Amino acid sequence: MEALEIARWQFGITTVYHFLMVPLTIGLGLLVAVMQTMWHRSGKEHYLRMTKFWGKLFLINFIMGVATGLVQEFQFGMAWSEYSRFVGDVFGAPLAMEALLAFFVESTFLGLWIFGWGRLPRLVHLLCLWAAVLASVFSAYFILVANSWMQHPVGVEMVDGRPVMVDAWAVFTNNTALVAFPHTVFGALAVAGAFLLGISWYHLHKRRHDGLDTVGADGAVIVGDAGGARDAVDHRVWLMSARAGAVVAMIAFAGTGITGDLQGKLMFDQQPMKMAAAEAACHDGTGFSILSVGNLGAQSCDDITAVIEVPGVLSFLANGDFTTEVKGVNTLLPEYQEKYGTTLPDDPMYGERAGTEIDYLPVMEVTYWGFRIMIGFGAIAAGAAALALWVLRKGTVPESRWLMRLAVFGILAPFGANSAGWIFTEMGRQPFVVAPNPDPSGIDSVFMFTAAAVSPGVSLGELVASLVALTSVYAVLLVVEVKLLFSYVRGGTASAMPELAQAGSDSGHGGDGGSGGSGARHGGKDDGDVLAFAY
């Protein structure tokens, strides 16, 4: 293997792992902010418990996301120095705004939220959370601006072989970013919705299994009350969380579908080879392949046959009609070769790869199946959410242990959809690290082959060592995060509010009262250690 391939594996492994935290942080943060807003407005105990329980899990995930995200910055300089030089003038602005304007605001106000329980006025404390959560959303936008420029470079001129930004507005309002942003946010909400639904189902099932909640002759739940953290308010926490998660998951799937359609239409214009490979569309046509067979890894895809194909759908995805033919791989290959050459330039930056033939066809196994895994897992999560919402209409869940396990494992479906979507987006751009813009204005001269992006001074051994080290550290961090999440999830609301476990049956009194009830006590100035909530 060559240094370039190891560098790509390293970046892929660390980035996909980091992105597991990103959608949950964004989506769950928004939902926790809504929960605290409801508590602020109503003073009801169940909203406070929801805020603290889900807020605890949000914090665990946020902190791990920060730790894993820092590595991404170092990788640019370590393994991708030529890429950093090429995009530096463009990326400086969005990444600086992400770090200075978004991440600093996010971290500062999240700290105020953690330490401010019972010490800041309720409204100020709530606004701190909203500031942190919205900053994380803006942070995602600035990152997407940078990524979208790699997919569709705009607002630059080439000076001495490097793109120089001449129109910041064009970079920050890149149509690729404007579509990718809501698609990413909806994807994050899908993750958060499934997270709420799966964990809440587990706790509702646990109450059924322990005989705390029963079902009457009409099928409706009879809520039990064991006092303390397992009182009637506890049931309401899980029921409302499960229903909210199901609704959010369904809305998010609809949102990802609409924005994904817009994103697909842009890809057909901006990166036609990526979308042709995603559909295994070897020849020009209008049909969408549901299942194709053949050698997806071949240089040419003449031997691929569509087993199940829906006529007209590919045209609709590309152009919004059902009749316009879409160019296939075999038509696009000679066009790419004519525009960008058949071999890599004879330049020292390409090392031993200089003069080798360029393969413009992405790894079709990844693009074809990645596209379908993204859609399939998203649809499974949305369908499961709709079914769960119907099951929850009676106020509880069945006693079936298998249904509970399916609900918990269902949390992974939108994670898989998000990861598959990003892997498809990034690997489908190959062999370019900065894809050419096929705009008639001639801006397509701005592009960079991935083979030219790797650091010339880094050796294969150094990259292998760093790959092993980073993967090992990330594996340890994965164990730590999963163990923390499992521990606090199993502990229920008492894991975030220890006072519930100590209060006994009296903790349920006045649970749905106004601001003078137990909700005020939990947010008051007698909470003890300022770090108790963070712990």
Protein backbone atom coordinates (compact mmCIF):
# COMPACT_ATOMS: atom_id res chain seq x y z
CA MET A 1 0.00 0.00 0.00
CA GLU A 2 1.08 3.57 -0.61
CA ALA A 3 1.18 6.56 1.73
CA LEU A 4 -1.83 8.09 -0.05
CA GLU A 5 -4.03 5.07 0.63
CA ILE A 6 -3.03 4.88 4.30
CA ALA A 7 -3.67 8.62 4.66
CA ARG A 8 -7.14 8.18 3.16
CA TRP A 9 -7.90 5.25 5.48
CA GLN A 10 -6.75 7.28 8.46
CA PHE A 11 -8.85 10.29 7.56
CA GLY A 12 -11.85 8.11 6.77
CA ILE A 13 -11.73 6.15 10.03
CA THR A 14 -11.25 9.16 12.30
CA THR A 15 -13.77 11.33 10.45
CA VAL A 16 -16.55 8.72 10.36
CA TYR A 17 -15.99 8.02 14.05
CA HIS A 18 -16.12 11.73 14.89
CA PHE A 19 -19.26 12.19 12.83
CA LEU A 20 -21.07 9.60 14.95
CA MET A 21 -21.09 12.25 17.70
CA VAL A 22 -21.95 15.24 15.52
CA PRO A 23 -25.58 14.49 14.53
CA LEU A 24 -26.49 13.36 18.05
CA THR A 25 -24.97 16.53 19.51
CA ILE A 26 -26.86 18.80 17.12
CA GLY A 27 -30.18 16.97 17.19
CA LEU A 28 -30.29 16.11 20.88
CA GLY A 29 -29.12 19.61 21.84
CA LEU A 30 -32.05 21.16 20.00
CA LEU A 31 -34.52 18.79 21.69
CA VAL A 32 -33.07 19.39 25.17
CA ALA A 33 -33.39 23.13 24.60
CA VAL A 34 -37.07 22.66 23.71
CA MET A 35 -37.57 20.53 26.83
CA GLN A 36 -36.07 23.18 29.09
CA THR A 37 -38.17 25.84 27.35
CA MET A 38 -41.28 23.84 28.20
CA TRP A 39 -40.14 23.54 31.83
CA HIS A 40 -39.46 27.28 31.99
CA ARG A 41 -42.93 28.06 30.65
CA SER A 42 -44.91 25.50 32.66
CA GLY A 43 -42.79 24.62 35.70
CA LYS A 44 -43.91 20.99 35.33
CA GLU A 45 -41.70 18.38 36.92
CA HIS A 46 -41.59 15.96 34.01
CA TYR A 47 -40.09 18.62 31.72
CA LEU A 48 -37.33 19.25 34.28
CA ARG A 49 -36.53 15.55 34.51
CA MET A 50 -36.49 15.25 30.73
CA THR A 51 -34.14 18.22 30.47
CA LYS A 52 -31.69 16.87 33.01
CA PHE A 53 -31.71 13.26 31.86
CA TRP A 54 -31.36 13.92 28.14
CA GLY A 55 -29.08 16.86 28.90
CA LYS A 56 -26.69 14.52 30.72
CA LEU A 57 -26.45 12.24 27.68
CA PHE A 58 -26.03 15.29 25.45
CA LEU A 59 -23.05 16.42 27.54
CA ILE A 60 -21.33 13.04 27.40
CA ASN A 61 -21.67 12.97 23.63
CA PHE A 62 -20.63 16.62 23.21
CA ILE A 63 -17.43 16.19 25.20
CA MET A 64 -16.45 13.06 23.29
CA GLY A 65 -17.19 14.86 20.02
CA VAL A 66 -14.82 17.68 20.97
CA ALA A 67 -12.06 15.21 21.85
CA THR A 68 -12.35 13.30 18.57
CA GLY A 69 -12.89 16.41 16.46
CA LEU A 70 -9.57 17.97 17.44
CA VAL A 71 -7.74 15.23 15.54
CA GLN A 72 -9.28 16.39 12.27
CA GLU A 73 -7.38 19.69 12.46
CA PHE A 74 -4.05 17.94 13.06
CA GLN A 75 -4.57 15.56 10.15
CA PHE A 76 -4.66 18.41 7.65
CA GLY A 77 -1.13 19.43 8.55
CA MET A 78 0.25 15.96 9.15
CA ALA A 79 -1.02 13.95 6.19
CA TRP A 80 -2.56 16.51 3.83
CA SER A 81 -0.20 19.50 3.74
CA GLU A 82 -0.45 19.97 -0.06
CA TYR A 83 -4.22 19.99 0.23
CA SER A 84 -3.99 22.51 3.09
CA ARG A 85 -1.84 24.83 0.96
CA PHE A 86 -4.24 24.56 -1.96
CA VAL A 87 -7.45 25.32 -0.06
CA GLY A 88 -5.95 27.49 2.69
CA ASP A 89 -6.97 30.86 1.28
CA VAL A 90 -10.58 29.72 0.92
CA PHE A 91 -10.92 27.64 4.09
CA GLY A 92 -9.38 30.28 6.34
CA ALA A 93 -12.59 32.31 6.59
CA PRO A 94 -15.22 29.59 7.27
CA LEU A 95 -12.97 27.59 9.60
CA ALA A 96 -11.98 30.69 11.55
CA MET A 97 -15.64 31.61 11.95
CA GLU A 98 -16.41 28.05 13.02
CA ALA A 99 -13.71 28.17 15.70
CA LEU A 100 -13.98 31.76 16.91
CA LEU A 101 -17.63 32.60 16.41
CA ALA A 102 -19.37 29.25 16.75
CA PHE A 103 -17.25 26.85 18.81
CA PHE A 104 -16.15 29.42 21.40
CA VAL A 105 -19.74 30.59 21.85
CA GLU A 106 -20.90 26.99 22.06
CA SER A 107 -18.32 26.03 24.68
CA THR A 108 -18.71 29.18 26.76
CA PHE A 109 -22.47 29.09 27.02
CA LEU A 110 -22.57 25.34 27.50
CA GLY A 111 -20.26 25.83 30.50
CA LEU A 112 -22.61 28.49 31.86
CA TRP A 113 -25.50 26.09 31.40
CA ILE A 114 -23.69 23.26 33.22
CA PHE A 115 -22.58 25.39 36.17
CA GLY A 116 -25.59 27.68 36.17
CA TRP A 117 -28.22 25.29 37.53
CA GLY A 118 -29.76 27.11 40.51
CA ARG A 119 -27.27 29.97 40.23
CA LEU A 120 -28.46 31.83 37.17
CA PRO A 121 -32.00 33.21 36.73
CA ARG A 122 -34.12 30.63 34.93
CA LEU A 123 -34.53 32.67 31.75
CA VAL A 124 -30.82 33.48 31.56
CA HIS A 125 -29.98 29.83 32.17
CA LEU A 126 -32.35 28.77 29.38
CA LEU A 127 -30.89 31.35 26.99
CA CYS A 128 -27.41 30.00 27.71
CA LEU A 129 -28.50 26.58 26.47
CA TRP A 130 -30.13 28.02 23.37
CA ALA A 131 -26.99 30.04 22.62
CA ALA A 132 -24.83 26.92 22.90
CA VAL A 133 -27.16 24.78 20.79
CA LEU A 134 -27.62 27.37 18.04
CA ALA A 135 -23.87 27.94 17.99
CA SER A 136 -23.41 24.22 17.32
CA VAL A 137 -25.82 24.54 14.39
CA PHE A 138 -23.90 27.53 13.01
CA SER A 139 -20.68 25.59 13.56
CA ALA A 140 -22.07 22.84 11.33
CA TYR A 141 -22.94 25.41 8.67
CA PHE A 142 -19.41 26.84 8.54
CA ILE A 143 -17.95 23.33 8.26
CA LEU A 144 -20.41 22.55 5.47
CA VAL A 145 -19.41 25.75 3.66
CA ALA A 146 -15.83 24.45 3.55
CA ASN A 147 -16.89 20.94 2.53
CA SER A 148 -19.30 22.25 -0.11
CA TRP A 149 -16.53 24.31 -1.67
CA MET A 150 -14.62 21.04 -2.15
CA GLN A 151 -17.70 19.64 -3.89
CA HIS A 152 -18.44 22.78 -5.91
CA PRO A 153 -15.71 25.50 -5.88
CA VAL A 154 -17.04 29.03 -6.32
CA GLY A 155 -15.97 32.61 -5.59
CA VAL A 156 -12.27 32.16 -6.41
CA GLU A 157 -9.63 32.93 -9.01
CA MET A 158 -6.51 30.91 -9.72
CA VAL A 159 -3.31 32.79 -8.81
CA ASP A 160 0.02 31.00 -9.25
CA GLY A 161 -1.71 27.64 -9.27
CA ARG A 162 -3.73 28.25 -6.08
CA PRO A 163 -7.35 29.37 -5.68
CA VAL A 164 -7.68 32.79 -4.04
CA MET A 165 -11.06 33.87 -2.65
CA VAL A 166 -12.39 36.94 -4.44
CA ASP A 167 -16.07 36.66 -3.49
CA ALA A 168 -16.71 35.63 0.12
CA TRP A 169 -20.47 35.96 -0.35
CA ALA A 170 -20.39 33.37 -3.15
CA VAL A 171 -18.42 30.97 -0.92
CA PHE A 172 -20.75 31.35 2.07
CA THR A 173 -23.91 31.12 -0.05
CA ASN A 174 -22.73 28.27 -2.24
CA ASN A 175 -25.91 26.51 -3.38
CA THR A 176 -24.30 23.19 -2.45
CA ALA A 177 -23.94 24.37 1.16
CA LEU A 178 -27.42 25.87 1.28
CA VAL A 179 -28.91 22.48 0.42
CA ALA A 180 -26.45 20.32 2.41
CA PHE A 181 -27.08 22.31 5.61
CA PRO A 182 -30.81 21.54 6.10
CA HIS A 183 -30.17 17.98 4.91
CA THR A 184 -27.56 17.57 7.65
CA VAL A 185 -29.76 19.14 10.33
CA PHE A 186 -32.69 16.89 9.43
CA GLY A 187 -30.32 13.93 9.54
CA ALA A 188 -29.23 15.01 13.03
CA LEU A 189 -32.85 15.26 14.17
CA ALA A 190 -33.49 11.76 12.81
CA VAL A 191 -30.66 10.46 15.00
CA ALA A 192 -31.95 12.33 18.06
CA GLY A 193 -35.53 11.15 17.47
CA ALA A 194 -34.49 7.48 17.31
CA PHE A 195 -32.29 8.01 20.38
CA LEU A 196 -35.22 9.33 22.42
CA LEU A 197 -37.57 6.64 21.17
CA GLY A 198 -35.26 3.67 21.78
CA ILE A 199 -34.17 4.66 25.27
CA SER A 200 -37.67 5.68 26.36
CA TRP A 201 -39.07 2.38 25.06
CA TYR A 202 -36.48 0.57 27.18
CA HIS A 203 -37.62 2.38 30.34
CA LEU A 204 -41.33 1.94 29.61
CA HIS A 205 -40.68 -1.76 29.05
CA LYS A 206 -38.72 -1.93 32.30
CA ARG A 207 -41.68 -0.45 34.19
CA ARG A 208 -43.96 -3.07 32.59
CA HIS A 209 -41.49 -5.90 33.29
CA ASP A 210 -41.20 -4.87 36.95
CA GLY A 211 -44.97 -4.82 37.31
CA LEU A 212 -45.03 -1.11 38.02
CA ASP A 213 -47.30 -0.25 35.10
CA THR A 214 -50.14 -2.55 34.06
CA VAL A 215 -52.77 -2.56 31.33
CA GLY A 216 -56.52 -2.38 31.95
CA ALA A 217 -59.30 -4.24 30.19
CA ASP A 218 -59.52 -1.47 27.56
CA GLY A 219 -55.81 -1.80 26.79
CA ALA A 220 -54.94 1.56 28.35
CA VAL A 221 -52.08 1.85 30.79
CA ILE A 222 -52.60 1.91 34.56
CA VAL A 223 -49.64 3.91 35.83
CA GLY A 224 -47.97 2.67 38.98
CA ASP A 225 -46.19 4.83 41.53
CA ALA A 226 -43.31 3.45 43.56
CA GLY A 227 -42.24 6.89 44.71
CA GLY A 228 -38.90 8.56 44.24
CA ALA A 229 -37.47 8.27 40.75
CA ARG A 230 -40.05 5.67 39.67
CA ASP A 231 -43.26 7.55 40.34
CA ALA A 232 -46.07 8.55 37.98
CA VAL A 233 -44.03 11.51 36.75
CA ASP A 234 -41.30 9.07 35.68
CA HIS A 235 -43.81 7.31 33.43
CA ARG A 236 -44.78 10.61 31.89
CA VAL A 237 -41.11 11.43 31.21
CA TRP A 238 -40.63 8.27 29.15
CA LEU A 239 -43.99 8.37 27.41
CA MET A 240 -43.59 11.99 26.30
CA SER A 241 -39.97 11.40 25.29
CA ALA A 242 -40.92 8.34 23.23
CA ARG A 243 -43.75 10.13 21.46
CA ALA A 244 -41.63 13.21 20.82
CA GLY A 245 -38.82 11.03 19.46
CA ALA A 246 -41.19 9.22 17.09
CA VAL A 247 -42.69 12.46 15.77
CA VAL A 248 -39.28 14.08 15.33
CA ALA A 249 -37.95 10.98 13.54
CA MET A 250 -40.83 11.01 11.03
CA ILE A 251 -40.57 14.75 10.38
CA ALA A 252 -36.81 14.43 10.00
CA PHE A 253 -37.15 11.63 7.44
CA ALA A 254 -39.54 13.75 5.39
CA GLY A 255 -37.10 16.67 5.64
CA THR A 256 -34.12 14.57 4.59
CA GLY A 257 -36.12 13.21 1.67
CA ILE A 258 -37.05 16.67 0.37
CA THR A 259 -33.60 18.18 0.86
CA GLY A 260 -31.96 14.99 -0.42
CA ASP A 261 -33.93 15.31 -3.65
CA LEU A 262 -32.66 18.89 -4.05
CA GLN A 263 -29.15 17.74 -3.24
CA GLY A 264 -29.39 14.95 -5.81
CA LYS A 265 -30.44 17.38 -8.55
CA LEU A 266 -27.42 19.55 -7.77
CA MET A 267 -25.13 16.51 -7.88
CA PHE A 268 -26.38 15.55 -11.33
CA ASP A 269 -25.29 19.00 -12.53
CA GLN A 270 -22.13 19.41 -10.47
CA GLN A 271 -20.77 15.84 -10.19
CA PRO A 272 -22.56 13.75 -12.80
CA MET A 273 -20.11 10.85 -12.48
CA LYS A 274 -20.86 10.50 -8.76
CA MET A 275 -24.59 10.17 -9.35
CA ALA A 276 -24.18 7.89 -12.36
CA ALA A 277 -22.02 5.58 -10.24
CA ALA A 278 -24.55 5.76 -7.40
CA GLU A 279 -27.24 4.49 -9.79
CA ALA A 280 -24.95 2.01 -11.58
CA ALA A 281 -26.15 3.83 -14.70
CA CYS A 282 -23.68 2.54 -17.26
CA HIS A 283 -25.63 3.80 -20.24
CA ASP A 284 -27.80 6.83 -20.87
CA GLY A 285 -31.39 6.36 -19.79
CA THR A 286 -34.26 7.30 -17.52
CA GLY A 287 -34.62 4.26 -15.25
CA PHE A 288 -33.68 4.07 -11.57
CA SER A 289 -31.94 0.85 -10.52
CA ILE A 290 -33.38 -0.71 -7.38
CA LEU A 291 -31.06 -3.71 -7.77
CA SER A 292 -28.20 -4.22 -10.21
CA VAL A 293 -25.81 -7.16 -10.51
CA GLY A 294 -22.38 -7.47 -12.07
CA ASN A 295 -18.82 -6.36 -11.41
CA LEU A 296 -19.33 -3.00 -9.71
CA GLY A 297 -15.58 -2.59 -9.25
CA ALA A 298 -14.63 -2.75 -12.92
CA GLN A 299 -13.09 0.20 -14.78
CA SER A 300 -15.99 0.01 -17.21
CA CYS A 301 -19.44 -1.09 -16.13
CA ASP A 302 -20.59 -2.75 -19.34
CA ASP A 303 -21.26 -6.04 -17.57
CA ILE A 304 -23.65 -4.54 -14.99
CA THR A 305 -27.30 -5.41 -15.46
CA ALA A 306 -30.27 -3.78 -13.76
CA VAL A 307 -32.39 -6.60 -12.35
CA ILE A 308 -35.08 -4.30 -10.93
CA GLU A 309 -35.48 -0.89 -12.57
CA VAL A 310 -38.18 1.77 -12.36
CA PRO A 311 -38.51 3.77 -15.61
CA GLY A 312 -38.48 7.56 -15.41
CA VAL A 313 -37.40 7.84 -11.76
CA LEU A 314 -33.75 8.62 -12.57
CA SER A 315 -34.89 11.44 -14.87
CA PHE A 316 -37.07 12.81 -12.10
CA LEU A 317 -34.22 12.73 -9.60
CA ALA A 318 -31.96 14.54 -12.06
CA ASN A 319 -34.26 16.97 -13.88
CA GLY A 320 -37.71 16.87 -12.29
CA ASP A 321 -39.32 15.13 -15.29
CA PHE A 322 -39.71 11.53 -16.39
CA THR A 323 -38.42 11.64 -19.97
CA THR A 324 -35.04 13.40 -20.14
CA GLU A 325 -32.21 10.91 -20.59
CA VAL A 326 -29.45 11.05 -17.99
CA LYS A 327 -25.85 10.46 -19.06
CA GLY A 328 -24.38 7.15 -17.96
CA VAL A 329 -20.85 6.22 -16.91
CA ASN A 330 -19.74 5.16 -20.39
CA THR A 331 -20.78 8.52 -21.83
CA LEU A 332 -19.24 10.54 -19.02
CA LEU A 333 -15.85 8.81 -18.94
CA PRO A 334 -14.58 10.20 -22.30
CA GLU A 335 -15.95 13.64 -21.39
CA TYR A 336 -13.94 13.65 -18.12
CA GLN A 337 -10.84 12.41 -19.94
CA GLU A 338 -11.13 15.16 -22.53
CA LYS A 339 -11.57 17.88 -19.89
CA TYR A 340 -9.12 16.80 -17.22
CA GLY A 341 -6.69 14.47 -18.98
CA THR A 342 -6.15 10.74 -19.18
CA THR A 343 -3.02 10.59 -16.99
CA LEU A 344 -1.79 12.42 -13.91
CA PRO A 345 0.58 15.32 -14.73
CA ASP A 346 4.32 14.63 -14.76
CA ASP A 347 4.87 16.66 -11.61
CA PRO A 348 6.98 15.83 -8.52
CA MET A 349 3.96 16.35 -6.24
CA TYR A 350 2.44 13.15 -7.63
CA GLY A 351 5.53 11.10 -6.79
CA GLU A 352 5.44 7.61 -8.28
CA ARG A 353 1.87 8.19 -9.45
CA ALA A 354 2.95 10.83 -12.01
CA GLY A 355 1.96 9.76 -15.50
CA THR A 356 -0.35 6.97 -14.36
CA GLU A 357 -3.83 6.61 -15.81
CA ILE A 358 -6.64 8.45 -14.02
CA ASP A 359 -9.65 6.38 -13.00
CA TYR A 360 -12.61 8.76 -13.03
CA LEU A 361 -15.07 6.09 -11.95
CA PRO A 362 -15.53 6.10 -8.15
CA VAL A 363 -15.60 2.83 -6.23
CA MET A 364 -19.03 1.78 -7.41
CA GLU A 365 -19.59 -0.72 -4.59
CA VAL A 366 -19.38 2.20 -2.17
CA THR A 367 -21.43 4.73 -4.15
CA TYR A 368 -24.13 2.28 -5.25
CA TRP A 369 -24.69 0.56 -1.92
CA GLY A 370 -23.90 3.62 0.18
CA PHE A 371 -26.72 5.50 -1.54
CA ARG A 372 -29.16 2.64 -0.89
CA ILE A 373 -28.06 2.07 2.70
CA MET A 374 -28.59 5.77 3.38
CA ILE A 375 -32.13 5.71 2.02
CA GLY A 376 -32.95 2.25 3.38
CA PHE A 377 -31.85 2.87 6.95
CA GLY A 378 -33.61 6.23 6.96
CA ALA A 379 -36.84 4.64 5.75
CA ILE A 380 -36.56 1.82 8.32
CA ALA A 381 -36.12 4.37 11.13
CA ALA A 382 -39.10 6.43 9.96
CA GLY A 383 -41.32 3.36 9.53
CA ALA A 384 -40.38 2.11 12.98
CA ALA A 385 -41.17 5.54 14.44
CA ALA A 386 -44.63 5.55 12.84
CA LEU A 387 -45.33 2.04 14.17
CA ALA A 388 -44.09 3.02 17.63
CA LEU A 389 -46.33 6.07 17.72
CA TRP A 390 -49.33 3.85 17.01
CA VAL A 391 -48.28 1.33 19.70
CA LEU A 392 -47.82 4.14 22.24
CA ARG A 393 -51.38 5.41 21.81
CA LYS A 394 -52.47 3.40 24.89
CA GLY A 395 -49.80 5.00 27.06
CA THR A 396 -47.24 2.20 27.34
CA VAL A 397 -45.40 -0.48 25.38
CA PRO A 398 -45.90 -4.26 25.09
CA GLU A 399 -44.08 -6.59 27.46
CA SER A 400 -42.23 -8.20 24.56
CA ARG A 401 -38.49 -8.23 25.22
CA TRP A 402 -37.78 -8.63 21.49
CA LEU A 403 -39.71 -5.47 20.62
CA MET A 404 -37.74 -3.61 23.27
CA ARG A 405 -34.46 -4.86 21.83
CA LEU A 406 -35.53 -3.87 18.33
CA ALA A 407 -36.39 -0.39 19.57
CA VAL A 408 -32.98 -0.04 21.23
CA PHE A 409 -31.07 -1.39 18.23
CA GLY A 410 -33.21 0.86 16.03
CA ILE A 411 -31.20 3.75 17.42
CA LEU A 412 -28.37 2.63 15.13
CA ALA A 413 -30.41 2.93 11.89
CA PRO A 414 -30.21 6.74 11.44
CA PHE A 415 -26.55 6.64 12.55
CA GLY A 416 -25.96 4.19 9.71
CA ALA A 417 -27.91 6.36 7.27
CA ASN A 418 -25.88 9.46 8.20
CA SER A 419 -22.54 7.66 7.95
CA ALA A 420 -23.43 5.96 4.66
CA GLY A 421 -24.54 9.29 3.21
CA TRP A 422 -21.27 11.00 4.06
CA ILE A 423 -19.13 8.09 2.86
CA PHE A 424 -21.05 8.18 -0.43
CA THR A 425 -20.63 11.95 -0.71
CA GLU A 426 -16.88 11.96 -0.06
CA MET A 427 -15.79 8.78 -1.86
CA GLY A 428 -18.06 9.51 -4.80
CA ARG A 429 -16.01 12.67 -5.46
CA GLN A 430 -12.86 10.66 -6.23
CA PRO A 431 -10.38 10.94 -7.89
CA PHE A 432 -10.74 14.61 -6.88
CA VAL A 433 -10.22 16.00 -3.40
CA VAL A 434 -11.54 19.30 -4.79
CA ALA A 435 -14.04 18.46 -7.51
CA PRO A 436 -14.13 20.61 -10.67
CA ASN A 437 -17.03 22.98 -11.12
CA PRO A 438 -18.53 22.29 -14.56
CA ASP A 439 -19.86 25.85 -14.79
CA PRO A 440 -19.75 27.29 -18.33
CA SER A 441 -17.85 30.33 -16.97
CA GLY A 442 -14.65 28.30 -16.94
CA ILE A 443 -14.26 27.98 -13.16
CA ASP A 444 -13.78 24.25 -13.68
CA SER A 445 -10.07 24.95 -13.85
CA VAL A 446 -10.23 24.92 -10.03
CA PHE A 447 -9.77 21.30 -9.00
CA MET A 448 -7.24 19.06 -7.27
CA PHE A 449 -6.57 15.37 -7.64
CA THR A 450 -6.44 13.44 -4.38
CA ALA A 451 -3.07 12.02 -5.46
CA ALA A 452 -1.60 15.54 -5.23
CA ALA A 453 -3.04 16.34 -1.78
CA VAL A 454 -1.02 14.07 0.49
CA SER A 455 1.98 15.45 2.40
CA PRO A 456 5.18 14.75 0.42
CA GLY A 457 7.35 14.59 3.55
CA VAL A 458 5.35 11.97 5.45
CA SER A 459 6.41 8.36 5.10
CA LEU A 460 4.35 5.21 4.85
CA GLY A 461 5.67 4.03 8.21
CA GLU A 462 4.73 7.28 9.94
CA LEU A 463 1.22 7.11 8.55
CA VAL A 464 0.80 3.46 9.54
CA ALA A 465 2.02 4.25 13.07
CA SER A 466 -0.35 7.21 13.41
CA LEU A 467 -3.22 5.15 11.96
CA VAL A 468 -2.69 2.39 14.51
CA ALA A 469 -2.28 4.90 17.37
CA LEU A 470 -5.34 6.98 16.50
CA THR A 471 -7.53 3.95 15.84
CA SER A 472 -6.46 2.44 19.19
CA VAL A 473 -7.20 5.67 21.07
CA TYR A 474 -10.55 6.00 19.34
CA ALA A 475 -11.40 2.41 20.23
CA VAL A 476 -10.72 3.20 23.90
CA LEU A 477 -12.81 6.38 23.66
CA LEU A 478 -15.62 4.36 22.09
CA VAL A 479 -15.61 1.96 25.04
CA VAL A 480 -15.60 4.90 27.47
CA GLU A 481 -18.52 6.65 25.76
CA VAL A 482 -20.63 3.52 25.39
CA LYS A 483 -20.01 2.58 29.03
CA LEU A 484 -20.95 6.08 30.22
CA LEU A 485 -24.07 6.19 28.09
CA PHE A 486 -25.18 2.72 29.17
CA SER A 487 -24.57 3.56 32.82
CA TYR A 488 -26.61 6.76 32.79
CA VAL A 489 -29.33 5.34 30.55
CA ARG A 490 -29.88 2.38 32.88
CA GLY A 491 -29.94 4.72 35.87
CA GLY A 492 -32.90 6.62 34.43
CA THR A 493 -33.80 10.08 35.64
CA ALA A 494 -32.13 9.39 39.00
CA SER A 495 -28.76 9.21 37.21
CA ALA A 496 -29.09 12.90 36.35
CA MET A 497 -31.06 13.88 39.47
CA PRO A 498 -29.71 11.89 42.45
CA GLU A 499 -32.09 13.72 44.74
CA LEU A 500 -34.93 11.67 43.26
CA ALA A 501 -33.42 8.43 44.53
CA GLN A 502 -33.12 9.93 48.01
CA ALA A 503 -36.45 11.68 48.18
CA GLY A 504 -38.59 8.53 48.47
CA SER A 505 -42.26 8.74 47.81
CA ASP A 506 -42.38 12.43 48.75
CA SER A 507 -40.56 13.39 45.54
CA GLY A 508 -43.70 12.82 43.54
CA HIS A 509 -45.76 15.37 45.45
CA GLY A 510 -46.62 18.45 43.47
CA GLY A 511 -44.89 17.00 40.44
CA ASP A 512 -46.97 18.86 37.90
CA GLY A 513 -47.32 22.01 39.91
CA GLY A 514 -46.20 25.50 39.02
CA SER A 515 -42.85 27.16 39.55
CA GLY A 516 -43.19 26.81 43.31
CA GLY A 517 -43.34 22.97 43.16
CA SER A 518 -40.54 20.45 43.20
CA GLY A 519 -39.33 21.77 39.86
CA ALA A 520 -38.25 24.92 41.63
CA ARG A 521 -36.50 22.91 44.34
CA HIS A 522 -34.45 21.00 41.79
CA GLY A 523 -33.44 24.24 40.16
CA GLY A 524 -32.91 26.11 43.40
CA LYS A 525 -29.79 27.14 45.29
CA ASP A 526 -29.63 24.08 47.55
CA ASP A 527 -28.34 21.66 44.92
CA GLY A 528 -24.91 21.25 46.55
CA ASP A 529 -21.83 20.75 44.37
CA VAL A 530 -21.86 23.03 41.35
CA LEU A 531 -20.38 20.19 39.25
CA ALA A 532 -22.96 17.60 40.36
CA PHE A 533 -24.94 17.86 37.14
CA ALA A 534 -21.82 17.52 34.99
CA TYR A 535 -20.69 14.48 36.97
